[in-house]
Amino acid sequence: MAEESKVTLYGYWPSPFAKMVEIALKLKGVPYEYVEEDLTNKSQMLLSLNPVHKKVPVLVHNGKPIAESLVILEYIDETWKNGPQLLPMDPYKRAQVRFWASFVQQQLQDSMIKVAMTEGEAREKLVEEAYEKMRLLDEGLKSFFPDGNPSIDTEHLGLLDVVFVSFFGNHKVHEEVLGFKVIDPEKTPLIHCWLKALLDLPLLKETLPPHDKMVAFIKFINESALKSSTA
């Protein structure tokens, strides 16, 4: 049976894209083998499994590779019916989840990368742009939490929860390294409450990369980017 066939995930420990797949597999109770990739020296196996993008994550199920994190999340949801349903049945609600998940993965992630690669006045401008995008998401979340009080447990986690906590569960790392409050309770109160509720869940908190290890990684990325820009 497909549900009982071998599952292998190719990932990279600090990658939020790979991390969201890990979380989804754990939520569904799917046993899997994890293969850590060195993205500075990608394995021939990874290149053969994902010849188009040549990146993680790649999920291999029953010998068949699936690439792209959001595609993988939907595949997991459709293949394994145990555990929480990641996407709602209602077509409109499902479309809204997909829209905001894409917004987090593309718009917010892009803003954070740009902030990490700049300094001074340029960074201040990019930080404001990031806050504006956060405010848009905060407003959009009102349709998911109309009472303004996110109450979440592992039995009712959805795709948007998984995506957001994968990217911003380590938000204090960015605050420590980059010097600004990524999740501001005054600017985006609903996001703040939502993320706090997510991080109160042991499965999510334990799956995220260790704080100190992420601090060292983000510092390295930040310093490397700044050196390159002044070279």
C-alpha atoms as a PDB file:
ATOM      1  CA  MET A   1       0.000   0.000   0.000  1.00  0.00           C
ATOM      2  CA  ALA A   2       1.167   3.560  -0.777  1.00  0.00           C
ATOM      3  CA  GLU A   3       0.593   4.618   2.839  1.00  0.00           C
ATOM      4  CA  GLU A   4       3.095   2.021   4.008  1.00  0.00           C
ATOM      5  CA  SER A   5       5.798   2.633   1.386  1.00  0.00           C
ATOM      6  CA  LYS A   6       9.152   4.229   2.120  1.00  0.00           C
ATOM      7  CA  VAL A   7       9.369   7.986   2.577  1.00  0.00           C
ATOM      8  CA  THR A   8      12.639   9.946   2.380  1.00  0.00           C
ATOM      9  CA  LEU A   9      13.085  13.685   2.846  1.00  0.00           C
ATOM     10  CA  TYR A  10      16.139  15.497   1.478  1.00  0.00           C
ATOM     11  CA  GLY A  11      16.632  18.729   3.401  1.00  0.00           C
ATOM     12  CA  TYR A  12      19.036  21.259   4.879  1.00  0.00           C
ATOM     13  CA  TRP A  13      18.801  21.991   8.596  1.00  0.00           C
ATOM     14  CA  PRO A  14      18.254  25.811   8.512  1.00  0.00           C
ATOM     15  CA  SER A  15      15.904  25.715   5.503  1.00  0.00           C
ATOM     16  CA  PRO A  16      12.337  26.767   6.406  1.00  0.00           C
ATOM     17  CA  PHE A  17      11.207  25.158   3.153  1.00  0.00           C
ATOM     18  CA  ALA A  18      12.481  21.763   4.310  1.00  0.00           C
ATOM     19  CA  LYS A  19      11.361  22.397   7.879  1.00  0.00           C
ATOM     20  CA  MET A  20       7.722  22.784   6.875  1.00  0.00           C
ATOM     21  CA  VAL A  21       7.821  19.364   5.213  1.00  0.00           C
ATOM     22  CA  GLU A  22       9.305  17.838   8.377  1.00  0.00           C
ATOM     23  CA  ILE A  23       6.497  19.370  10.427  1.00  0.00           C
ATOM     24  CA  ALA A  24       3.809  18.111   8.046  1.00  0.00           C
ATOM     25  CA  LEU A  25       5.172  14.563   8.108  1.00  0.00           C
ATOM     26  CA  LYS A  26       5.272  14.581  11.911  1.00  0.00           C
ATOM     27  CA  LEU A  27       1.740  15.966  12.145  1.00  0.00           C
ATOM     28  CA  LYS A  28       0.510  13.176   9.904  1.00  0.00           C
ATOM     29  CA  GLY A  29       2.473  10.555  11.835  1.00  0.00           C
ATOM     30  CA  VAL A  30       4.385   9.460   8.724  1.00  0.00           C
ATOM     31  CA  PRO A  31       7.666   7.590   9.392  1.00  0.00           C
ATOM     32  CA  TYR A  32      10.436   8.927   7.170  1.00  0.00           C
ATOM     33  CA  GLU A  33      14.162   8.863   6.600  1.00  0.00           C
ATOM     34  CA  TYR A  34      15.899  12.247   6.658  1.00  0.00           C
ATOM     35  CA  VAL A  35      18.908  12.951   4.437  1.00  0.00           C
ATOM     36  CA  GLU A  36      20.871  16.132   5.226  1.00  0.00           C
ATOM     37  CA  GLU A  37      22.230  17.895   2.138  1.00  0.00           C
ATOM     38  CA  ASP A  38      25.277  20.137   1.913  1.00  0.00           C
ATOM     39  CA  LEU A  39      24.069  22.939  -0.347  1.00  0.00           C
ATOM     40  CA  THR A  40      27.643  24.045  -1.037  1.00  0.00           C
ATOM     41  CA  ASN A  41      28.344  20.575  -2.405  1.00  0.00           C
ATOM     42  CA  LYS A  42      25.043  19.097  -3.553  1.00  0.00           C
ATOM     43  CA  SER A  43      24.873  15.345  -3.878  1.00  0.00           C
ATOM     44  CA  GLN A  44      24.354  13.676  -7.212  1.00  0.00           C
ATOM     45  CA  MET A  45      21.252  12.080  -5.731  1.00  0.00           C
ATOM     46  CA  LEU A  46      19.689  15.482  -5.012  1.00  0.00           C
ATOM     47  CA  LEU A  47      20.574  16.738  -8.508  1.00  0.00           C
ATOM     48  CA  SER A  48      19.017  13.665 -10.083  1.00  0.00           C
ATOM     49  CA  LEU A  49      15.866  13.889  -7.957  1.00  0.00           C
ATOM     50  CA  ASN A  50      15.355  17.614  -8.596  1.00  0.00           C
ATOM     51  CA  PRO A  51      17.108  18.377 -11.909  1.00  0.00           C
ATOM     52  CA  VAL A  52      14.991  21.496 -12.566  1.00  0.00           C
ATOM     53  CA  HIS A  53      15.621  23.556  -9.404  1.00  0.00           C
ATOM     54  CA  LYS A  54      18.470  21.521  -7.878  1.00  0.00           C
ATOM     55  CA  LYS A  55      17.436  22.397  -4.326  1.00  0.00           C
ATOM     56  CA  VAL A  56      15.773  21.090  -1.171  1.00  0.00           C
ATOM     57  CA  PRO A  57      13.317  19.973  -0.089  1.00  0.00           C
ATOM     58  CA  VAL A  58      12.663  16.841  -2.100  1.00  0.00           C
ATOM     59  CA  LEU A  59      10.286  14.184  -0.818  1.00  0.00           C
ATOM     60  CA  VAL A  60      10.695  10.693  -2.224  1.00  0.00           C
ATOM     61  CA  HIS A  61       7.674   8.447  -1.765  1.00  0.00           C
ATOM     62  CA  ASN A  62       7.687   4.923  -3.106  1.00  0.00           C
ATOM     63  CA  GLY A  63      10.674   5.823  -5.283  1.00  0.00           C
ATOM     64  CA  LYS A  64       8.983   8.874  -6.831  1.00  0.00           C
ATOM     65  CA  PRO A  65      10.386  12.389  -6.126  1.00  0.00           C
ATOM     66  CA  ILE A  66       8.215  15.432  -5.390  1.00  0.00           C
ATOM     67  CA  ALA A  67       9.815  18.892  -5.319  1.00  0.00           C
ATOM     68  CA  GLU A  68       8.769  22.377  -4.139  1.00  0.00           C
ATOM     69  CA  SER A  69       7.665  22.775  -0.529  1.00  0.00           C
ATOM     70  CA  LEU A  70       4.045  23.867  -1.021  1.00  0.00           C
ATOM     71  CA  VAL A  71       3.515  21.164  -3.637  1.00  0.00           C
ATOM     72  CA  ILE A  72       4.948  18.614  -1.184  1.00  0.00           C
ATOM     73  CA  LEU A  73       2.650  19.818   1.614  1.00  0.00           C
ATOM     74  CA  GLU A  74      -0.420  19.327  -0.564  1.00  0.00           C
ATOM     75  CA  TYR A  75       0.853  15.912  -1.643  1.00  0.00           C
ATOM     76  CA  ILE A  76       1.279  14.880   1.992  1.00  0.00           C
ATOM     77  CA  ASP A  77      -2.215  16.114   2.834  1.00  0.00           C
ATOM     78  CA  GLU A  78      -3.780  14.229  -0.062  1.00  0.00           C
ATOM     79  CA  THR A  79      -1.800  11.021   0.473  1.00  0.00           C
ATOM     80  CA  TRP A  80      -2.055  10.546   4.236  1.00  0.00           C
ATOM     81  CA  LYS A  81      -5.510  11.138   5.665  1.00  0.00           C
ATOM     82  CA  ASN A  82      -4.517  10.548   9.295  1.00  0.00           C
ATOM     83  CA  GLY A  83      -3.667  13.564  11.418  1.00  0.00           C
ATOM     84  CA  PRO A  84      -4.932  17.103  10.815  1.00  0.00           C
ATOM     85  CA  GLN A  85      -6.280  18.107   7.427  1.00  0.00           C
ATOM     86  CA  LEU A  86      -3.840  20.778   6.208  1.00  0.00           C
ATOM     87  CA  LEU A  87      -6.160  22.326   3.632  1.00  0.00           C
ATOM     88  CA  PRO A  88      -9.858  23.036   4.259  1.00  0.00           C
ATOM     89  CA  MET A  89     -12.523  21.325   2.160  1.00  0.00           C
ATOM     90  CA  ASP A  90     -14.269  24.586   1.238  1.00  0.00           C
ATOM     91  CA  PRO A  91     -12.858  25.834  -2.116  1.00  0.00           C
ATOM     92  CA  TYR A  92     -12.821  29.506  -1.110  1.00  0.00           C
ATOM     93  CA  LYS A  93     -11.155  28.854   2.253  1.00  0.00           C
ATOM     94  CA  ARG A  94      -8.644  26.589   0.525  1.00  0.00           C
ATOM     95  CA  ALA A  95      -7.852  29.350  -1.976  1.00  0.00           C
ATOM     96  CA  GLN A  96      -7.342  31.843   0.857  1.00  0.00           C
ATOM     97  CA  VAL A  97      -4.911  29.506   2.641  1.00  0.00           C
ATOM     98  CA  ARG A  98      -2.944  29.013  -0.580  1.00  0.00           C
ATOM     99  CA  PHE A  99      -2.840  32.759  -1.220  1.00  0.00           C
ATOM    100  CA  TRP A 100      -1.486  33.697   2.203  1.00  0.00           C
ATOM    101  CA  ALA A 101       0.908  30.737   2.336  1.00  0.00           C
ATOM    102  CA  SER A 102       2.370  31.914  -0.967  1.00  0.00           C
ATOM    103  CA  PHE A 103       2.508  35.485   0.386  1.00  0.00           C
ATOM    104  CA  VAL A 104       4.502  34.345   3.426  1.00  0.00           C
ATOM    105  CA  GLN A 105       6.825  32.165   1.391  1.00  0.00           C
ATOM    106  CA  GLN A 106       7.482  34.703  -1.348  1.00  0.00           C
ATOM    107  CA  GLN A 107       6.815  38.253  -0.136  1.00  0.00           C
ATOM    108  CA  LEU A 108       7.770  38.037   3.540  1.00  0.00           C
ATOM    109  CA  GLN A 109      10.699  35.700   3.010  1.00  0.00           C
ATOM    110  CA  ASP A 110      12.043  37.947   0.241  1.00  0.00           C
ATOM    111  CA  SER A 111      11.825  40.971   2.562  1.00  0.00           C
ATOM    112  CA  MET A 112      13.719  39.187   5.336  1.00  0.00           C
ATOM    113  CA  ILE A 113      16.486  38.121   2.967  1.00  0.00           C
ATOM    114  CA  LYS A 114      16.900  41.704   1.730  1.00  0.00           C
ATOM    115  CA  VAL A 115      17.037  43.042   5.301  1.00  0.00           C
ATOM    116  CA  ALA A 116      19.741  40.506   6.190  1.00  0.00           C
ATOM    117  CA  MET A 117      21.862  41.593   3.248  1.00  0.00           C
ATOM    118  CA  THR A 118      21.891  45.344   3.917  1.00  0.00           C
ATOM    119  CA  GLU A 119      22.721  47.817   6.678  1.00  0.00           C
ATOM    120  CA  GLY A 120      22.239  51.476   7.596  1.00  0.00           C
ATOM    121  CA  GLU A 121      19.554  53.567   5.895  1.00  0.00           C
ATOM    122  CA  ALA A 122      18.967  50.942   3.225  1.00  0.00           C
ATOM    123  CA  ARG A 123      18.116  48.398   5.920  1.00  0.00           C
ATOM    124  CA  GLU A 124      15.794  50.827   7.708  1.00  0.00           C
ATOM    125  CA  LYS A 125      13.804  51.304   4.500  1.00  0.00           C
ATOM    126  CA  LEU A 126      13.589  47.552   3.916  1.00  0.00           C
ATOM    127  CA  VAL A 127      12.507  46.976   7.512  1.00  0.00           C
ATOM    128  CA  GLU A 128       9.579  49.368   6.984  1.00  0.00           C
ATOM    129  CA  GLU A 129       8.656  47.493   3.824  1.00  0.00           C
ATOM    130  CA  ALA A 130       8.744  44.228   5.783  1.00  0.00           C
ATOM    131  CA  TYR A 131       6.488  45.721   8.484  1.00  0.00           C
ATOM    132  CA  GLU A 132       4.011  46.854   5.831  1.00  0.00           C
ATOM    133  CA  LYS A 133       3.805  43.321   4.448  1.00  0.00           C
ATOM    134  CA  MET A 134       3.350  41.989   7.989  1.00  0.00           C
ATOM    135  CA  ARG A 135       0.502  44.434   8.498  1.00  0.00           C
ATOM    136  CA  LEU A 136      -1.167  43.144   5.339  1.00  0.00           C
ATOM    137  CA  LEU A 137      -0.934  39.582   6.659  1.00  0.00           C
ATOM    138  CA  ASP A 138      -2.199  40.683  10.078  1.00  0.00           C
ATOM    139  CA  GLU A 139      -5.270  42.155   8.411  1.00  0.00           C
ATOM    140  CA  GLY A 140      -5.752  39.050   6.278  1.00  0.00           C
ATOM    141  CA  LEU A 141      -5.672  36.805   9.356  1.00  0.00           C
ATOM    142  CA  LYS A 142      -8.876  38.374  10.636  1.00  0.00           C
ATOM    143  CA  SER A 143     -10.848  36.127   8.300  1.00  0.00           C
ATOM    144  CA  PHE A 144      -9.218  33.072   9.908  1.00  0.00           C
ATOM    145  CA  PHE A 145      -9.543  34.303  13.504  1.00  0.00           C
ATOM    146  CA  PRO A 146     -12.630  36.564  13.549  1.00  0.00           C
ATOM    147  CA  ASP A 147     -12.680  36.703  17.349  1.00  0.00           C
ATOM    148  CA  GLY A 148      -9.060  37.908  17.348  1.00  0.00           C
ATOM    149  CA  ASN A 149      -7.945  35.056  19.600  1.00  0.00           C
ATOM    150  CA  PRO A 150      -6.053  32.253  17.825  1.00  0.00           C
ATOM    151  CA  SER A 151      -6.630  28.987  19.671  1.00  0.00           C
ATOM    152  CA  ILE A 152      -4.618  26.181  18.117  1.00  0.00           C
ATOM    153  CA  ASP A 153      -3.789  22.564  18.891  1.00  0.00           C
ATOM    154  CA  THR A 154      -1.905  19.915  16.946  1.00  0.00           C
ATOM    155  CA  GLU A 155      -5.153  18.250  15.867  1.00  0.00           C
ATOM    156  CA  HIS A 156      -6.280  21.349  13.983  1.00  0.00           C
ATOM    157  CA  LEU A 157      -3.080  22.771  12.509  1.00  0.00           C
ATOM    158  CA  GLY A 158      -3.354  23.816   8.889  1.00  0.00           C
ATOM    159  CA  LEU A 159      -1.016  24.496   5.997  1.00  0.00           C
ATOM    160  CA  LEU A 160      -0.764  28.223   6.736  1.00  0.00           C
ATOM    161  CA  ASP A 161       0.202  27.498  10.350  1.00  0.00           C
ATOM    162  CA  VAL A 162       2.937  25.133   9.180  1.00  0.00           C
ATOM    163  CA  VAL A 163       4.308  27.585   6.624  1.00  0.00           C
ATOM    164  CA  PHE A 164       4.357  30.592   8.945  1.00  0.00           C
ATOM    165  CA  VAL A 165       5.964  28.872  11.929  1.00  0.00           C
ATOM    166  CA  SER A 166       8.629  27.389   9.642  1.00  0.00           C
ATOM    167  CA  PHE A 167       9.660  30.863   8.470  1.00  0.00           C
ATOM    168  CA  PHE A 168       9.099  32.906  11.629  1.00  0.00           C
ATOM    169  CA  GLY A 169       9.261  30.447  14.521  1.00  0.00           C
ATOM    170  CA  ASN A 170      12.883  31.565  14.962  1.00  0.00           C
ATOM    171  CA  HIS A 171      11.994  35.272  14.794  1.00  0.00           C
ATOM    172  CA  LYS A 172      14.019  36.032  17.934  1.00  0.00           C
ATOM    173  CA  VAL A 173      17.134  34.965  16.040  1.00  0.00           C
ATOM    174  CA  HIS A 174      16.551  37.741  13.512  1.00  0.00           C
ATOM    175  CA  GLU A 175      15.882  40.216  16.320  1.00  0.00           C
ATOM    176  CA  GLU A 176      19.181  39.293  17.972  1.00  0.00           C
ATOM    177  CA  VAL A 177      21.266  39.378  14.791  1.00  0.00           C
ATOM    178  CA  LEU A 178      19.585  42.090  12.726  1.00  0.00           C
ATOM    179  CA  GLY A 179      18.497  44.371  15.557  1.00  0.00           C
ATOM    180  CA  PHE A 180      14.787  44.847  14.922  1.00  0.00           C
ATOM    181  CA  LYS A 181      11.626  43.266  16.277  1.00  0.00           C
ATOM    182  CA  VAL A 182      10.346  41.052  13.463  1.00  0.00           C
ATOM    183  CA  ILE A 183       7.103  40.171  15.236  1.00  0.00           C
ATOM    184  CA  ASP A 184       5.912  43.368  16.912  1.00  0.00           C
ATOM    185  CA  PRO A 185       2.857  42.969  19.187  1.00  0.00           C
ATOM    186  CA  GLU A 186       1.931  46.623  18.700  1.00  0.00           C
ATOM    187  CA  LYS A 187       2.222  46.699  14.907  1.00  0.00           C
ATOM    188  CA  THR A 188       0.828  43.213  14.243  1.00  0.00           C
ATOM    189  CA  PRO A 189      -1.050  42.005  17.346  1.00  0.00           C
ATOM    190  CA  LEU A 190      -2.863  39.134  15.648  1.00  0.00           C
ATOM    191  CA  ILE A 191       0.346  37.705  14.164  1.00  0.00           C
ATOM    192  CA  HIS A 192       1.986  37.992  17.586  1.00  0.00           C
ATOM    193  CA  CYS A 193      -0.820  36.037  19.289  1.00  0.00           C
ATOM    194  CA  TRP A 194      -0.937  33.495  16.469  1.00  0.00           C
ATOM    195  CA  LEU A 195       2.777  32.761  16.556  1.00  0.00           C
ATOM    196  CA  LYS A 196       2.794  32.557  20.351  1.00  0.00           C
ATOM    197  CA  ALA A 197       0.005  29.966  20.197  1.00  0.00           C
ATOM    198  CA  LEU A 198       1.935  27.980  17.597  1.00  0.00           C
ATOM    199  CA  LEU A 199       5.175  28.022  19.589  1.00  0.00           C
ATOM    200  CA  ASP A 200       3.327  26.766  22.660  1.00  0.00           C
ATOM    201  CA  LEU A 201       2.870  23.448  20.829  1.00  0.00           C
ATOM    202  CA  PRO A 202       5.769  21.091  21.692  1.00  0.00           C
ATOM    203  CA  LEU A 203       5.862  19.406  18.270  1.00  0.00           C
ATOM    204  CA  LEU A 204       6.447  22.724  16.508  1.00  0.00           C
ATOM    205  CA  LYS A 205       8.865  24.178  19.028  1.00  0.00           C
ATOM    206  CA  GLU A 206      10.974  21.012  19.095  1.00  0.00           C
ATOM    207  CA  THR A 207      11.176  20.720  15.304  1.00  0.00           C
ATOM    208  CA  LEU A 208      12.579  24.211  14.752  1.00  0.00           C
ATOM    209  CA  PRO A 209      16.384  24.598  14.574  1.00  0.00           C
ATOM    210  CA  PRO A 210      18.188  25.398  17.866  1.00  0.00           C
ATOM    211  CA  HIS A 211      18.339  29.119  18.631  1.00  0.00           C
ATOM    212  CA  ASP A 212      22.121  29.393  19.109  1.00  0.00           C
ATOM    213  CA  LYS A 213      22.854  27.407  15.965  1.00  0.00           C
ATOM    214  CA  MET A 214      20.528  29.647  13.953  1.00  0.00           C
ATOM    215  CA  VAL A 215      22.124  32.792  15.415  1.00  0.00           C
ATOM    216  CA  ALA A 216      25.532  31.648  14.183  1.00  0.00           C
ATOM    217  CA  PHE A 217      24.093  30.774  10.772  1.00  0.00           C
ATOM    218  CA  ILE A 218      22.280  34.097  10.256  1.00  0.00           C
ATOM    219  CA  LYS A 219      25.347  36.025  11.434  1.00  0.00           C
ATOM    220  CA  PHE A 220      27.438  34.180   8.855  1.00  0.00           C
ATOM    221  CA  ILE A 221      24.926  34.919   6.069  1.00  0.00           C
ATOM    222  CA  ASN A 222      24.674  38.569   7.115  1.00  0.00           C
ATOM    223  CA  GLU A 223      28.445  39.108   7.339  1.00  0.00           C
ATOM    224  CA  SER A 224      29.080  37.298   4.049  1.00  0.00           C
ATOM    225  CA  ALA A 225      26.456  39.389   2.255  1.00  0.00           C
ATOM    226  CA  LEU A 226      27.848  42.673   3.607  1.00  0.00           C
ATOM    227  CA  LYS A 227      31.414  41.705   2.664  1.00  0.00           C
ATOM    228  CA  SER A 228      30.282  40.880  -0.873  1.00  0.00           C
ATOM    229  CA  SER A 229      28.475  44.196  -1.223  1.00  0.00           C
ATOM    230  CA  THR A 230      31.582  46.174  -0.260  1.00  0.00           C
ATOM    231  CA  ALA A 231      34.089  44.084  -2.212  1.00  0.00           C
END
